[in-house]
Amino acid sequence: MRQAERVLQREIVTRLKFAPLSAIVVPSPNGIFLPTRNPAERDLARRIVFQLKRDGQLAPGAPDLVFLWDSGCGCMELKRPTEQTLLGRQRAGQLSGEQKVFRDLCERAGVPYEVVMSWPQAREVLKAWGVLPADWRDPEQRVGRAA
């Protein structure tokens, strides 16, 4: 998961702590970062990741967030949006091959799967899934506004 996606995941999980969510949020262990300084450490990191995948402790392709509720579940993959930076335009994040396979498995099983690039988009998906009230608004949207 790239830095922008990690930040988005943290934002969504934090905001949902204050929302009337009727679901459990489960972040998926679908990757690991091991800092390395030299080729020997990089080789060791590759072997560790390979062993974790082989043992089923990492799930490549799994969504970043899984939502569980009384009548079902849904998967949410987080991607960075397109943005203009000082160094030029950054393309929006794309699904990897493993993520596409997982998305297709969800589709065949009838499990909702959405790719989101922002908190507002995630909020609307959760409302569509019925786990956030349709009329719920963020507290910051209510501050300073007339009723």
Protein backbone atom coordinates (compact mmCIF):
# COMPACT_ATOMS: atom_id res chain seq x y z
CA MET A 1 0.00 0.00 0.00
CA ARG A 2 1.45 3.34 -0.99
CA GLN A 3 1.77 6.25 1.45
CA ALA A 4 -1.27 8.14 0.06
CA GLU A 5 -3.38 5.00 0.43
CA ARG A 6 -2.13 4.44 4.00
CA VAL A 7 -3.14 7.99 4.88
CA LEU A 8 -6.57 7.49 3.31
CA GLN A 9 -7.05 4.23 5.21
CA ARG A 10 -6.13 5.94 8.49
CA GLU A 11 -8.56 8.78 7.72
CA ILE A 12 -11.45 6.43 6.90
CA VAL A 13 -10.91 4.21 9.95
CA THR A 14 -10.58 7.25 12.24
CA ARG A 15 -13.71 8.97 10.87
CA LEU A 16 -15.72 5.77 11.20
CA LYS A 17 -14.93 5.65 14.94
CA PHE A 18 -17.25 8.67 15.28
CA ALA A 19 -19.89 7.54 12.79
CA PRO A 20 -23.07 5.53 13.43
CA LEU A 21 -21.65 2.59 11.47
CA SER A 22 -23.59 -0.68 11.74
CA ALA A 23 -20.63 -2.80 10.63
CA ILE A 24 -17.25 -3.98 11.83
CA VAL A 25 -14.21 -2.61 9.94
CA VAL A 26 -11.34 -5.03 9.37
CA PRO A 27 -8.10 -3.77 7.78
CA SER A 28 -6.54 -6.55 5.66
CA PRO A 29 -2.90 -7.61 6.09
CA ASN A 30 -2.15 -7.58 2.36
CA GLY A 31 1.38 -6.23 2.43
CA ILE A 32 4.40 -5.56 4.61
CA PHE A 33 7.21 -3.02 4.54
CA LEU A 34 10.68 -4.12 5.60
CA PRO A 35 13.36 -1.42 5.36
CA THR A 36 16.61 -2.64 3.86
CA ARG A 37 20.04 -1.09 3.37
CA ASN A 38 21.90 -3.56 1.22
CA PRO A 39 21.44 -6.54 -1.13
CA ALA A 40 21.73 -9.12 1.68
CA GLU A 41 18.94 -7.41 3.65
CA ARG A 42 16.79 -7.13 0.51
CA ASP A 43 17.22 -10.86 -0.10
CA LEU A 44 16.24 -11.61 3.50
CA ALA A 45 13.17 -9.33 3.19
CA ARG A 46 12.11 -11.15 -0.02
CA ARG A 47 12.41 -14.51 1.74
CA ILE A 48 10.38 -13.28 4.73
CA VAL A 49 7.60 -11.94 2.50
CA PHE A 50 7.59 -15.15 0.42
CA GLN A 51 7.25 -17.26 3.58
CA LEU A 52 4.43 -15.07 4.95
CA LYS A 53 2.54 -15.40 1.64
CA ARG A 54 3.16 -19.14 1.47
CA ASP A 55 1.90 -19.60 5.04
CA GLY A 56 -1.25 -17.57 4.33
CA GLN A 57 -0.30 -14.75 6.72
CA LEU A 58 -0.32 -12.16 3.93
CA ALA A 59 -3.13 -11.96 1.41
CA PRO A 60 -1.90 -10.29 -1.80
CA GLY A 61 -4.82 -8.84 -3.72
CA ALA A 62 -7.08 -8.68 -0.67
CA PRO A 63 -8.88 -5.34 -0.23
CA ASP A 64 -7.59 -2.73 2.19
CA LEU A 65 -10.78 -2.73 4.26
CA VAL A 66 -13.41 -5.42 4.80
CA PHE A 67 -16.75 -4.47 6.33
CA LEU A 68 -18.84 -7.08 8.13
CA TRP A 69 -22.50 -6.52 9.04
CA ASP A 70 -25.44 -8.63 10.15
CA SER A 71 -26.64 -9.50 6.66
CA GLY A 72 -23.42 -9.50 4.67
CA CYS A 73 -20.06 -7.93 4.00
CA GLY A 74 -18.30 -5.63 1.57
CA CYS A 75 -14.75 -5.02 0.39
CA MET A 76 -13.16 -1.62 -0.15
CA GLU A 77 -9.90 -1.13 -2.05
CA LEU A 78 -8.23 2.26 -1.51
CA LYS A 79 -6.35 4.00 -4.32
CA ARG A 80 -4.70 7.37 -4.56
CA PRO A 81 -6.51 9.90 -6.75
CA THR A 82 -4.97 11.71 -9.70
CA GLU A 83 -3.22 14.82 -8.46
CA GLN A 84 -1.10 17.65 -9.73
CA THR A 85 2.18 18.04 -7.82
CA LEU A 86 5.21 20.23 -8.16
CA LEU A 87 6.84 17.43 -10.17
CA GLY A 88 3.91 16.94 -12.52
CA ARG A 89 0.70 15.03 -12.70
CA GLN A 90 0.47 11.81 -10.68
CA ARG A 91 -1.82 9.14 -12.15
CA ALA A 92 -4.55 7.64 -10.04
CA GLY A 93 -3.75 4.29 -8.44
CA GLN A 94 -4.69 1.21 -10.44
CA LEU A 95 -5.68 -2.28 -9.37
CA SER A 96 -2.87 -4.82 -9.54
CA GLY A 97 -3.37 -8.16 -11.25
CA GLU A 98 -3.88 -9.86 -7.86
CA GLN A 99 -6.43 -7.21 -6.87
CA LYS A 100 -8.36 -7.74 -10.11
CA VAL A 101 -8.48 -11.48 -9.43
CA PHE A 102 -9.82 -10.82 -5.91
CA ARG A 103 -12.37 -8.31 -7.25
CA ASP A 104 -13.59 -10.91 -9.75
CA LEU A 105 -13.88 -13.54 -6.96
CA CYS A 106 -16.00 -11.09 -4.98
CA GLU A 107 -18.19 -10.42 -8.01
CA ARG A 108 -18.78 -14.14 -8.60
CA ALA A 109 -19.62 -14.65 -4.91
CA GLY A 110 -21.98 -11.66 -4.83
CA VAL A 111 -19.82 -9.71 -2.38
CA PRO A 112 -19.88 -5.92 -2.88
CA TYR A 113 -16.44 -4.60 -3.92
CA GLU A 114 -15.64 -0.92 -4.45
CA VAL A 115 -12.51 1.06 -5.26
CA VAL A 116 -12.49 4.43 -3.50
CA MET A 117 -10.14 7.40 -3.64
CA SER A 118 -11.47 9.69 -0.89
CA TRP A 119 -13.38 9.80 2.37
CA PRO A 120 -16.48 11.33 0.73
CA GLN A 121 -16.51 8.51 -1.81
CA ALA A 122 -16.08 5.88 0.95
CA ARG A 123 -18.89 7.50 2.96
CA GLU A 124 -21.27 7.29 -0.03
CA VAL A 125 -20.36 3.63 -0.66
CA LEU A 126 -21.09 2.79 2.99
CA LYS A 127 -24.45 4.58 2.73
CA ALA A 128 -25.24 2.60 -0.44
CA TRP A 129 -24.37 -0.63 1.37
CA GLY A 130 -26.79 0.41 4.12
CA VAL A 131 -24.24 0.44 6.95
CA LEU A 132 -24.27 4.24 7.36
CA PRO A 133 -27.61 6.05 7.63
CA ALA A 134 -28.51 7.70 4.31
CA ASP A 135 -29.07 11.07 6.00
CA TRP A 136 -25.87 10.97 8.11
CA ARG A 137 -23.45 13.85 7.63
CA ASP A 138 -19.94 14.33 8.97
CA PRO A 139 -19.78 16.46 12.12
CA GLU A 140 -17.60 18.98 10.26
CA GLN A 141 -20.34 19.39 7.67
CA ARG A 142 -22.75 20.41 10.44
CA VAL A 143 -20.48 22.88 12.25
CA GLY A 144 -21.44 26.50 11.62
CA ARG A 145 -24.33 25.65 9.34
CA ALA A 146 -27.91 26.66 9.90
CA ALA A 147 -30.30 23.78 10.41
